[in-house]
Amino acid sequence: MLREDERGQGTVEYAVVLGVLMCVVVALGALHDALGAGLFVEHALSAASHHVQASVGWLADVFVY
């Protein structure tokens, strides 16, 4: 038999789990949109080009010195 102060525990647990599940679904939807738009590929390409330019300049500095 449940005590009076534990009657709503199941409802609260259900609400918390449902809230977390909704956050996960929304985050997965945002990730899907970002992947579909090519955002990560574009960012990786721009970061790689900066890295290549920086490494070429660093290499030239080493050999010029």
PDB file of N, CA and C in Angstrom:
ATOM      1  N   MET A   1       0.834  -1.187   0.000  1.00  0.00           N
ATOM      2  CA  MET A   1       0.000   0.000   0.000  1.00  0.00           C
ATOM      3  C   MET A   1       0.877   1.248   0.000  1.00  0.00           C
ATOM      4  N   LEU A   2       0.543   2.204  -0.829  1.00  0.00           N
ATOM      5  CA  LEU A   2       1.344   3.420  -0.959  1.00  0.00           C
ATOM      6  C   LEU A   2       1.038   4.402   0.157  1.00  0.00           C
ATOM      7  N   ARG A   3       2.090   5.060   0.575  1.00  0.00           N
ATOM      8  CA  ARG A   3       1.885   6.139   1.543  1.00  0.00           C
ATOM      9  C   ARG A   3       1.356   7.350   0.803  1.00  0.00           C
ATOM     10  N   GLU A   4       0.765   8.260   1.520  1.00  0.00           N
ATOM     11  CA  GLU A   4       0.154   9.428   0.884  1.00  0.00           C
ATOM     12  C   GLU A   4       1.177  10.308   0.170  1.00  0.00           C
ATOM     13  N   ASP A   5       2.404  10.405   0.680  1.00  0.00           N
ATOM     14  CA  ASP A   5       3.385  11.288   0.061  1.00  0.00           C
ATOM     15  C   ASP A   5       4.081  10.647  -1.138  1.00  0.00           C
ATOM     16  N   GLU A   6       3.771   9.420  -1.503  1.00  0.00           N
ATOM     17  CA  GLU A   6       4.387   8.736  -2.636  1.00  0.00           C
ATOM     18  C   GLU A   6       3.396   8.482  -3.773  1.00  0.00           C
ATOM     19  N   ARG A   7       2.218   9.030  -3.706  1.00  0.00           N
ATOM     20  CA  ARG A   7       1.215   8.751  -4.718  1.00  0.00           C
ATOM     21  C   ARG A   7       1.552   9.332  -6.078  1.00  0.00           C
ATOM     22  N   GLY A   8       2.209  10.469  -6.137  1.00  0.00           N
ATOM     23  CA  GLY A   8       2.504  11.106  -7.422  1.00  0.00           C
ATOM     24  C   GLY A   8       3.883  10.791  -7.964  1.00  0.00           C
ATOM     25  N   GLN A   9       4.586   9.869  -7.323  1.00  0.00           N
ATOM     26  CA  GLN A   9       5.959   9.588  -7.738  1.00  0.00           C
ATOM     27  C   GLN A   9       6.016   9.045  -9.164  1.00  0.00           C
ATOM     28  N   GLY A  10       5.130   8.141  -9.512  1.00  0.00           N
ATOM     29  CA  GLY A  10       5.125   7.571 -10.863  1.00  0.00           C
ATOM     30  C   GLY A  10       4.848   8.627 -11.926  1.00  0.00           C
ATOM     31  N   THR A  11       3.953   9.543 -11.620  1.00  0.00           N
ATOM     32  CA  THR A  11       3.630  10.602 -12.571  1.00  0.00           C
ATOM     33  C   THR A  11       4.823  11.530 -12.769  1.00  0.00           C
ATOM     34  N   VAL A  12       5.502  11.852 -11.690  1.00  0.00           N
ATOM     35  CA  VAL A  12       6.672  12.726 -11.784  1.00  0.00           C
ATOM     36  C   VAL A  12       7.786  12.029 -12.564  1.00  0.00           C
ATOM     37  N   GLU A  13       8.019  10.754 -12.299  1.00  0.00           N
ATOM     38  CA  GLU A  13       9.052  10.017 -13.034  1.00  0.00           C
ATOM     39  C   GLU A  13       8.714   9.948 -14.517  1.00  0.00           C
ATOM     40  N   TYR A  14       7.446   9.725 -14.836  1.00  0.00           N
ATOM     41  CA  TYR A  14       7.009   9.685 -16.226  1.00  0.00           C
ATOM     42  C   TYR A  14       7.253  11.041 -16.889  1.00  0.00           C
ATOM     43  N   ALA A  15       6.943  12.132 -16.209  1.00  0.00           N
ATOM     44  CA  ALA A  15       7.133  13.475 -16.775  1.00  0.00           C
ATOM     45  C   ALA A  15       8.611  13.770 -17.004  1.00  0.00           C
ATOM     46  N   VAL A  16       9.469  13.358 -16.068  1.00  0.00           N
ATOM     47  CA  VAL A  16      10.897  13.602 -16.223  1.00  0.00           C
ATOM     48  C   VAL A  16      11.452  12.799 -17.401  1.00  0.00           C
ATOM     49  N   VAL A  17      11.096  11.530 -17.485  1.00  0.00           N
ATOM     50  CA  VAL A  17      11.585  10.685 -18.577  1.00  0.00           C
ATOM     51  C   VAL A  17      11.055  11.192 -19.917  1.00  0.00           C
ATOM     52  N   LEU A  18       9.810  11.603 -19.956  1.00  0.00           N
ATOM     53  CA  LEU A  18       9.245  12.144 -21.199  1.00  0.00           C
ATOM     54  C   LEU A  18       9.956  13.426 -21.614  1.00  0.00           C
ATOM     55  N   GLY A  19      10.280  14.284 -20.659  1.00  0.00           N
ATOM     56  CA  GLY A  19      11.006  15.518 -20.961  1.00  0.00           C
ATOM     57  C   GLY A  19      12.395  15.233 -21.523  1.00  0.00           C
ATOM     58  N   VAL A  20      13.089  14.275 -20.921  1.00  0.00           N
ATOM     59  CA  VAL A  20      14.426  13.905 -21.412  1.00  0.00           C
ATOM     60  C   VAL A  20      14.324  13.301 -22.806  1.00  0.00           C
ATOM     61  N   LEU A  21      13.341  12.456 -23.023  1.00  0.00           N
ATOM     62  CA  LEU A  21      13.158  11.849 -24.334  1.00  0.00           C
ATOM     63  C   LEU A  21      12.865  12.906 -25.399  1.00  0.00           C
ATOM     64  N   MET A  22      12.067  13.888 -25.069  1.00  0.00           N
ATOM     65  CA  MET A  22      11.772  14.956 -26.022  1.00  0.00           C
ATOM     66  C   MET A  22      13.024  15.771 -26.344  1.00  0.00           C
ATOM     67  N   CYS A  23      13.869  16.013 -25.348  1.00  0.00           N
ATOM     68  CA  CYS A  23      15.128  16.725 -25.590  1.00  0.00           C
ATOM     69  C   CYS A  23      16.030  15.935 -26.534  1.00  0.00           C
ATOM     70  N   VAL A  24      16.087  14.627 -26.350  1.00  0.00           N
ATOM     71  CA  VAL A  24      16.903  13.784 -27.214  1.00  0.00           C
ATOM     72  C   VAL A  24      16.372  13.809 -28.648  1.00  0.00           C
ATOM     73  N   VAL A  25      15.066  13.738 -28.806  1.00  0.00           N
ATOM     74  CA  VAL A  25      14.464  13.758 -30.144  1.00  0.00           C
ATOM     75  C   VAL A  25      14.730  15.095 -30.837  1.00  0.00           C
ATOM     76  N   VAL A  26      14.608  16.198 -30.109  1.00  0.00           N
ATOM     77  CA  VAL A  26      14.861  17.514 -30.694  1.00  0.00           C
ATOM     78  C   VAL A  26      16.336  17.657 -31.072  1.00  0.00           C
ATOM     79  N   ALA A  27      17.236  17.183 -30.216  1.00  0.00           N
ATOM     80  CA  ALA A  27      18.668  17.257 -30.513  1.00  0.00           C
ATOM     81  C   ALA A  27      19.019  16.410 -31.732  1.00  0.00           C
ATOM     82  N   LEU A  28      18.431  15.238 -31.849  1.00  0.00           N
ATOM     83  CA  LEU A  28      18.684  14.399 -33.025  1.00  0.00           C
ATOM     84  C   LEU A  28      18.136  15.050 -34.289  1.00  0.00           C
ATOM     85  N   GLY A  29      17.009  15.720 -34.184  1.00  0.00           N
ATOM     86  CA  GLY A  29      16.459  16.440 -35.333  1.00  0.00           C
ATOM     87  C   GLY A  29      17.360  17.577 -35.771  1.00  0.00           C
ATOM     88  N   ALA A  30      17.912  18.317 -34.819  1.00  0.00           N
ATOM     89  CA  ALA A  30      18.828  19.407 -35.147  1.00  0.00           C
ATOM     90  C   ALA A  30      20.105  18.862 -35.768  1.00  0.00           C
ATOM     91  N   LEU A  31      20.602  17.748 -35.244  1.00  0.00           N
ATOM     92  CA  LEU A  31      21.789  17.119 -35.813  1.00  0.00           C
ATOM     93  C   LEU A  31      21.529  16.636 -37.231  1.00  0.00           C
ATOM     94  N   HIS A  32      20.359  16.078 -37.473  1.00  0.00           N
ATOM     95  CA  HIS A  32      19.986  15.621 -38.815  1.00  0.00           C
ATOM     96  C   HIS A  32      19.941  16.792 -39.793  1.00  0.00           C
ATOM     97  N   ASP A  33      19.363  17.901 -39.367  1.00  0.00           N
ATOM     98  CA  ASP A  33      19.310  19.079 -40.240  1.00  0.00           C
ATOM     99  C   ASP A  33      20.699  19.610 -40.546  1.00  0.00           C
ATOM    100  N   ALA A  34      21.577  19.630 -39.539  1.00  0.00           N
ATOM    101  CA  ALA A  34      22.942  20.130 -39.749  1.00  0.00           C
ATOM    102  C   ALA A  34      23.716  19.206 -40.684  1.00  0.00           C
ATOM    103  N   LEU A  35      23.545  17.913 -40.529  1.00  0.00           N
ATOM    104  CA  LEU A  35      24.228  16.972 -41.410  1.00  0.00           C
ATOM    105  C   LEU A  35      23.678  17.058 -42.827  1.00  0.00           C
ATOM    106  N   GLY A  36      22.377  17.227 -42.959  1.00  0.00           N
ATOM    107  CA  GLY A  36      21.759  17.334 -44.277  1.00  0.00           C
ATOM    108  C   GLY A  36      22.178  18.593 -45.016  1.00  0.00           C
ATOM    109  N   ALA A  37      22.424  19.662 -44.276  1.00  0.00           N
ATOM    110  CA  ALA A  37      22.827  20.921 -44.893  1.00  0.00           C
ATOM    111  C   ALA A  37      24.315  20.948 -45.220  1.00  0.00           C
ATOM    112  N   GLY A  38      25.064  19.960 -44.768  1.00  0.00           N
ATOM    113  CA  GLY A  38      26.491  19.909 -45.034  1.00  0.00           C
ATOM    114  C   GLY A  38      27.303  20.845 -44.150  1.00  0.00           C
ATOM    115  N   LEU A  39      26.756  21.217 -43.025  1.00  0.00           N
ATOM    116  CA  LEU A  39      27.425  22.168 -42.138  1.00  0.00           C
ATOM    117  C   LEU A  39      28.743  21.623 -41.618  1.00  0.00           C
ATOM    118  N   PHE A  40      28.771  20.356 -41.226  1.00  0.00           N
ATOM    119  CA  PHE A  40      29.986  19.773 -40.665  1.00  0.00           C
ATOM    120  C   PHE A  40      31.065  19.590 -41.735  1.00  0.00           C
ATOM    121  N   VAL A  41      30.654  19.229 -42.928  1.00  0.00           N
ATOM    122  CA  VAL A  41      31.624  19.065 -44.014  1.00  0.00           C
ATOM    123  C   VAL A  41      32.219  20.411 -44.385  1.00  0.00           C
ATOM    124  N   GLU A  42      31.381  21.430 -44.459  1.00  0.00           N
ATOM    125  CA  GLU A  42      31.862  22.775 -44.782  1.00  0.00           C
ATOM    126  C   GLU A  42      32.828  23.279 -43.714  1.00  0.00           C
ATOM    127  N   HIS A  43      32.497  23.048 -42.456  1.00  0.00           N
ATOM    128  CA  HIS A  43      33.381  23.468 -41.366  1.00  0.00           C
ATOM    129  C   HIS A  43      34.708  22.710 -41.415  1.00  0.00           C
ATOM    130  N   ALA A  44      34.654  21.423 -41.696  1.00  0.00           N
ATOM    131  CA  ALA A  44      35.884  20.631 -41.769  1.00  0.00           C
ATOM    132  C   ALA A  44      36.764  21.098 -42.921  1.00  0.00           C
ATOM    133  N   LEU A  45      36.164  21.414 -44.054  1.00  0.00           N
ATOM    134  CA  LEU A  45      36.951  21.898 -45.190  1.00  0.00           C
ATOM    135  C   LEU A  45      37.590  23.248 -44.915  1.00  0.00           C
ATOM    136  N   SER A  46      36.843  24.129 -44.277  1.00  0.00           N
ATOM    137  CA  SER A  46      37.425  25.442 -43.983  1.00  0.00           C
ATOM    138  C   SER A  46      38.517  25.333 -42.926  1.00  0.00           C
ATOM    139  N   ALA A  47      38.336  24.470 -41.954  1.00  0.00           N
ATOM    140  CA  ALA A  47      39.373  24.284 -40.936  1.00  0.00           C
ATOM    141  C   ALA A  47      40.602  23.624 -41.537  1.00  0.00           C
ATOM    142  N   ALA A  48      40.411  22.694 -42.449  1.00  0.00           N
ATOM    143  CA  ALA A  48      41.549  22.025 -43.081  1.00  0.00           C
ATOM    144  C   ALA A  48      42.335  23.004 -43.934  1.00  0.00           C
ATOM    145  N   SER A  49      41.655  23.895 -44.634  1.00  0.00           N
ATOM    146  CA  SER A  49      42.377  24.851 -45.469  1.00  0.00           C
ATOM    147  C   SER A  49      43.182  25.816 -44.611  1.00  0.00           C
ATOM    148  N   HIS A  50      42.637  26.232 -43.471  1.00  0.00           N
ATOM    149  CA  HIS A  50      43.401  27.097 -42.563  1.00  0.00           C
ATOM    150  C   HIS A  50      44.605  26.358 -42.006  1.00  0.00           C
ATOM    151  N   HIS A  51      44.421  25.106 -41.702  1.00  0.00           N
ATOM    152  CA  HIS A  51      45.514  24.318 -41.140  1.00  0.00           C
ATOM    153  C   HIS A  51      46.624  24.134 -42.175  1.00  0.00           C
ATOM    154  N   VAL A  52      46.244  23.881 -43.412  1.00  0.00           N
ATOM    155  CA  VAL A  52      47.239  23.690 -44.462  1.00  0.00           C
ATOM    156  C   VAL A  52      47.985  24.996 -44.707  1.00  0.00           C
ATOM    157  N   GLN A  53      47.269  26.107 -44.750  1.00  0.00           N
ATOM    158  CA  GLN A  53      47.925  27.396 -44.960  1.00  0.00           C
ATOM    159  C   GLN A  53      48.870  27.715 -43.804  1.00  0.00           C
ATOM    160  N   ALA A  54      48.453  27.436 -42.588  1.00  0.00           N
ATOM    161  CA  ALA A  54      49.291  27.717 -41.425  1.00  0.00           C
ATOM    162  C   ALA A  54      50.512  26.807 -41.410  1.00  0.00           C
ATOM    163  N   SER A  55      50.333  25.551 -41.773  1.00  0.00           N
ATOM    164  CA  SER A  55      51.471  24.635 -41.734  1.00  0.00           C
ATOM    165  C   SER A  55      52.475  24.957 -42.838  1.00  0.00           C
ATOM    166  N   VAL A  56      52.027  25.422 -43.987  1.00  0.00           N
ATOM    167  CA  VAL A  56      52.942  25.807 -45.065  1.00  0.00           C
ATOM    168  C   VAL A  56      53.742  27.030 -44.632  1.00  0.00           C
ATOM    169  N   GLY A  57      53.087  27.984 -44.005  1.00  0.00           N
ATOM    170  CA  GLY A  57      53.798  29.167 -43.522  1.00  0.00           C
ATOM    171  C   GLY A  57      54.806  28.813 -42.447  1.00  0.00           C
ATOM    172  N   TRP A  58      54.452  27.920 -41.550  1.00  0.00           N
ATOM    173  CA  TRP A  58      55.356  27.470 -40.493  1.00  0.00           C
ATOM    174  C   TRP A  58      56.554  26.743 -41.099  1.00  0.00           C
ATOM    175  N   LEU A  59      56.304  25.915 -42.086  1.00  0.00           N
ATOM    176  CA  LEU A  59      57.376  25.177 -42.739  1.00  0.00           C
ATOM    177  C   LEU A  59      58.330  26.114 -43.479  1.00  0.00           C
ATOM    178  N   ALA A  60      57.779  27.121 -44.133  1.00  0.00           N
ATOM    179  CA  ALA A  60      58.619  28.107 -44.825  1.00  0.00           C
ATOM    180  C   ALA A  60      59.465  28.884 -43.826  1.00  0.00           C
ATOM    181  N   ASP A  61      58.892  29.251 -42.684  1.00  0.00           N
ATOM    182  CA  ASP A  61      59.651  29.960 -41.661  1.00  0.00           C
ATOM    183  C   ASP A  61      60.825  29.118 -41.162  1.00  0.00           C
ATOM    184  N   VAL A  62      60.616  27.842 -41.008  1.00  0.00           N
ATOM    185  CA  VAL A  62      61.681  26.958 -40.522  1.00  0.00           C
ATOM    186  C   VAL A  62      62.812  26.899 -41.538  1.00  0.00           C
ATOM    187  N   PHE A  63      62.490  26.735 -42.822  1.00  0.00           N
ATOM    188  CA  PHE A  63      63.534  26.609 -43.821  1.00  0.00           C
ATOM    189  C   PHE A  63      64.213  27.939 -44.142  1.00  0.00           C
ATOM    190  N   VAL A  64      63.504  29.040 -44.019  1.00  0.00           N
ATOM    191  CA  VAL A  64      64.105  30.353 -44.278  1.00  0.00           C
ATOM    192  C   VAL A  64      65.055  30.723 -43.162  1.00  0.00           C
ATOM    193  N   TYR A  65      64.756  30.309 -41.954  1.00  0.00           N
ATOM    194  CA  TYR A  65      65.607  30.646 -40.830  1.00  0.00           C
ATOM    195  C   TYR A  65      66.938  29.983 -40.999  1.00  0.00           C
TER     196      TYR A  65
END
